[in-house]
């Protein structure tokens, strides 16, 4: 069983002292909660000014669920720690949304690089790690590339004027 707390916010006076209390003990559907599970409303708490309603929901399944299968990392959270090196010398460490791939072109500051090779020094063949888990990326500078400039919002206006 999982206990979930959902807080609903609205303008003052939106929730009455008894709002949603008639559903205590009933199955409910709540946006964002997996409809494959059973969600039972167990408790309701409304603020005196009627601006918030807090619901306590107990979630369960008829079969033993693999909760880890329903967990994921948000797409906007950087997931890969990468340490970039050039000729064996550490250049930069970053958290990226995906690991680097050989052949990929990357930018560090205003300089462009090709990714030559990647590996994970702390990973063992059995899937465990020995120390901090990160990706080691060996980069090669791309000679003769003009510096990259971030023009920000001006870029769209310039692009329209130049086309």
Protein backbone atom coordinates (compact mmCIF):
# COMPACT_ATOMS: atom_id res chain seq x y z
CA UNK A 1 0.00 0.00 0.00
CA UNK A 2 1.20 3.48 -0.87
CA UNK A 3 -0.05 6.63 0.83
CA UNK A 4 -0.30 9.68 -1.41
CA UNK A 5 -1.14 13.23 -0.39
CA UNK A 6 -2.70 15.49 -3.00
CA UNK A 7 -3.12 19.19 -2.31
CA UNK A 8 -5.69 21.12 -4.33
CA UNK A 9 -5.30 24.92 -4.40
CA UNK A 10 -7.97 27.39 -5.51
CA UNK A 11 -9.19 30.91 -4.79
CA UNK A 12 -10.38 31.64 -1.27
CA UNK A 13 -13.81 30.19 -0.53
CA UNK A 14 -13.64 27.49 -3.20
CA UNK A 15 -13.67 24.59 -0.71
CA UNK A 16 -16.30 24.27 2.02
CA UNK A 17 -15.45 22.59 5.36
CA UNK A 18 -17.09 19.37 4.12
CA UNK A 19 -15.86 19.46 0.51
CA UNK A 20 -14.96 15.96 -0.75
CA UNK A 21 -15.60 14.34 2.65
CA UNK A 22 -18.55 12.41 1.19
CA UNK A 23 -16.05 10.41 -0.89
CA UNK A 24 -14.00 9.10 2.04
CA UNK A 25 -13.77 5.32 1.72
CA UNK A 26 -14.61 5.36 -2.00
CA UNK A 27 -12.43 4.56 -4.98
CA UNK A 28 -11.32 7.77 -6.69
CA UNK A 29 -9.50 8.67 -9.88
CA UNK A 30 -6.93 11.42 -9.66
CA UNK A 31 -5.03 12.93 -12.57
CA UNK A 32 -1.45 11.68 -12.50
CA UNK A 33 -2.18 8.48 -10.58
CA UNK A 34 -2.01 5.20 -12.50
CA UNK A 35 -5.56 4.02 -13.24
CA UNK A 36 -4.35 0.39 -13.11
CA UNK A 37 -4.15 0.75 -9.30
CA UNK A 38 -6.96 1.18 -6.77
CA UNK A 39 -7.00 4.62 -5.14
CA UNK A 40 -9.13 4.96 -2.00
CA UNK A 41 -9.75 8.37 -0.41
CA UNK A 42 -8.93 8.00 3.31
CA UNK A 43 -8.87 11.54 4.69
CA UNK A 44 -9.80 15.10 3.65
CA UNK A 45 -8.61 18.33 5.23
CA UNK A 46 -9.98 21.71 4.10
CA UNK A 47 -8.49 25.03 5.18
CA UNK A 48 -10.68 27.54 7.03
CA UNK A 49 -10.42 30.10 4.23
CA UNK A 50 -11.44 27.49 1.64
CA UNK A 51 -8.33 27.95 -0.50
CA UNK A 52 -6.92 24.43 -0.14
CA UNK A 53 -8.18 20.88 0.09
CA UNK A 54 -5.69 18.16 1.06
CA UNK A 55 -6.59 14.58 0.17
CA UNK A 56 -4.92 11.50 1.65
CA UNK A 57 -5.22 8.55 -0.72
CA UNK A 58 -4.24 4.93 -0.18
CA UNK A 59 -3.11 3.20 -3.35
CA UNK A 60 -2.88 -0.55 -3.82
CA UNK A 61 -3.06 -3.27 -6.45
CA UNK A 62 -4.81 -6.62 -6.43
CA UNK A 63 -1.52 -8.24 -7.44
CA UNK A 64 1.94 -7.50 -6.16
CA UNK A 65 3.13 -4.65 -8.34
CA UNK A 66 6.73 -3.92 -9.23
CA UNK A 67 6.84 -0.33 -7.97
CA UNK A 68 10.25 0.21 -9.53
CA UNK A 69 8.73 -0.46 -12.96
CA UNK A 70 6.48 2.56 -12.44
CA UNK A 71 9.24 4.93 -11.41
CA UNK A 72 11.13 7.01 -13.93
CA UNK A 73 13.50 9.93 -14.06
CA UNK A 74 11.94 13.13 -15.26
CA UNK A 75 12.97 14.04 -18.79
CA UNK A 76 14.19 17.46 -17.71
CA UNK A 77 16.56 16.11 -15.06
CA UNK A 78 20.18 15.68 -16.17
CA UNK A 79 21.04 12.01 -15.76
CA UNK A 80 24.57 11.43 -17.03
CA UNK A 81 27.66 12.69 -15.23
CA UNK A 82 30.34 13.16 -17.87
CA UNK A 83 34.00 14.02 -17.38
CA UNK A 84 35.52 15.29 -20.60
CA UNK A 85 39.24 14.93 -21.34
CA UNK A 86 41.53 16.07 -24.16
CA UNK A 87 44.79 14.12 -24.54
CA UNK A 88 44.21 12.65 -21.08
CA UNK A 89 43.87 16.06 -19.42
CA UNK A 90 40.61 16.86 -17.63
CA UNK A 91 38.73 19.58 -19.52
CA UNK A 92 35.26 19.80 -17.98
CA UNK A 93 32.69 17.92 -15.86
CA UNK A 94 28.98 18.20 -16.63
CA UNK A 95 25.61 16.57 -15.94
CA UNK A 96 23.92 15.87 -19.25
CA UNK A 97 20.52 14.53 -20.24
CA UNK A 98 22.17 11.57 -22.01
CA UNK A 99 25.66 10.03 -22.15
CA UNK A 100 27.92 11.11 -25.00
CA UNK A 101 28.45 8.84 -28.00
CA UNK A 102 31.63 8.36 -30.08
CA UNK A 103 31.50 10.51 -33.22
CA UNK A 104 29.25 13.09 -31.61
CA UNK A 105 30.20 16.79 -31.83
CA UNK A 106 30.06 18.72 -28.56
CA UNK A 107 30.77 22.26 -27.47
CA UNK A 108 32.70 23.19 -24.33
CA UNK A 109 32.58 26.95 -23.91
CA UNK A 110 33.19 28.30 -27.40
CA UNK A 111 35.26 25.34 -28.62
CA UNK A 112 33.96 22.40 -30.66
CA UNK A 113 35.14 18.82 -30.11
CA UNK A 114 34.55 15.35 -31.55
CA UNK A 115 33.91 12.56 -29.05
CA UNK A 116 36.59 9.94 -29.75
CA UNK A 117 35.87 7.37 -27.08
CA UNK A 118 33.74 6.86 -23.96
CA UNK A 119 33.89 4.43 -21.08
CA UNK A 120 32.79 4.07 -17.44
CA UNK A 121 35.85 3.53 -15.23
CA UNK A 122 33.88 2.47 -12.14
CA UNK A 123 31.56 -0.07 -13.84
CA UNK A 124 32.21 -3.78 -13.53
CA UNK A 125 31.05 -6.49 -15.94
CA UNK A 126 28.43 -7.70 -13.44
CA UNK A 127 26.69 -4.28 -13.43
CA UNK A 128 28.00 -3.11 -10.06
CA UNK A 129 30.24 -0.10 -9.58
CA UNK A 130 33.48 0.39 -7.73
CA UNK A 131 33.46 4.06 -6.76
CA UNK A 132 31.71 7.02 -8.33
CA UNK A 133 29.78 6.19 -11.51
CA UNK A 134 30.53 8.59 -14.34
CA UNK A 135 31.25 8.55 -18.05
CA UNK A 136 34.82 9.31 -19.14
CA UNK A 137 34.77 10.96 -22.57
CA UNK A 138 37.93 11.50 -24.61
CA UNK A 139 37.50 14.52 -26.89
CA UNK A 140 39.46 15.79 -29.88
CA UNK A 141 39.42 19.50 -30.78
CA UNK A 142 37.96 20.38 -34.17
CA UNK A 143 40.54 22.72 -35.71
CA UNK A 144 39.57 25.84 -37.63
CA UNK A 145 36.03 26.09 -36.30
CA UNK A 146 34.75 29.61 -35.76
CA UNK A 147 33.77 30.40 -32.18
CA UNK A 148 30.16 29.63 -31.27
CA UNK A 149 28.19 32.65 -30.08
CA UNK A 150 24.85 32.48 -28.30
CA UNK A 151 22.78 35.31 -29.70
CA UNK A 152 19.81 34.49 -27.50
CA UNK A 153 16.51 36.09 -28.49
CA UNK A 154 18.23 38.21 -31.15
CA UNK A 155 18.97 35.07 -33.21
CA UNK A 156 15.35 34.71 -34.34
CA UNK A 157 15.15 38.34 -35.46
CA UNK A 158 18.50 38.10 -37.28
CA UNK A 159 17.45 34.88 -38.97
CA UNK A 160 14.26 36.51 -40.22
CA UNK A 161 16.15 39.57 -41.48
CA UNK A 162 18.81 37.48 -43.25
CA UNK A 163 16.36 35.19 -45.03
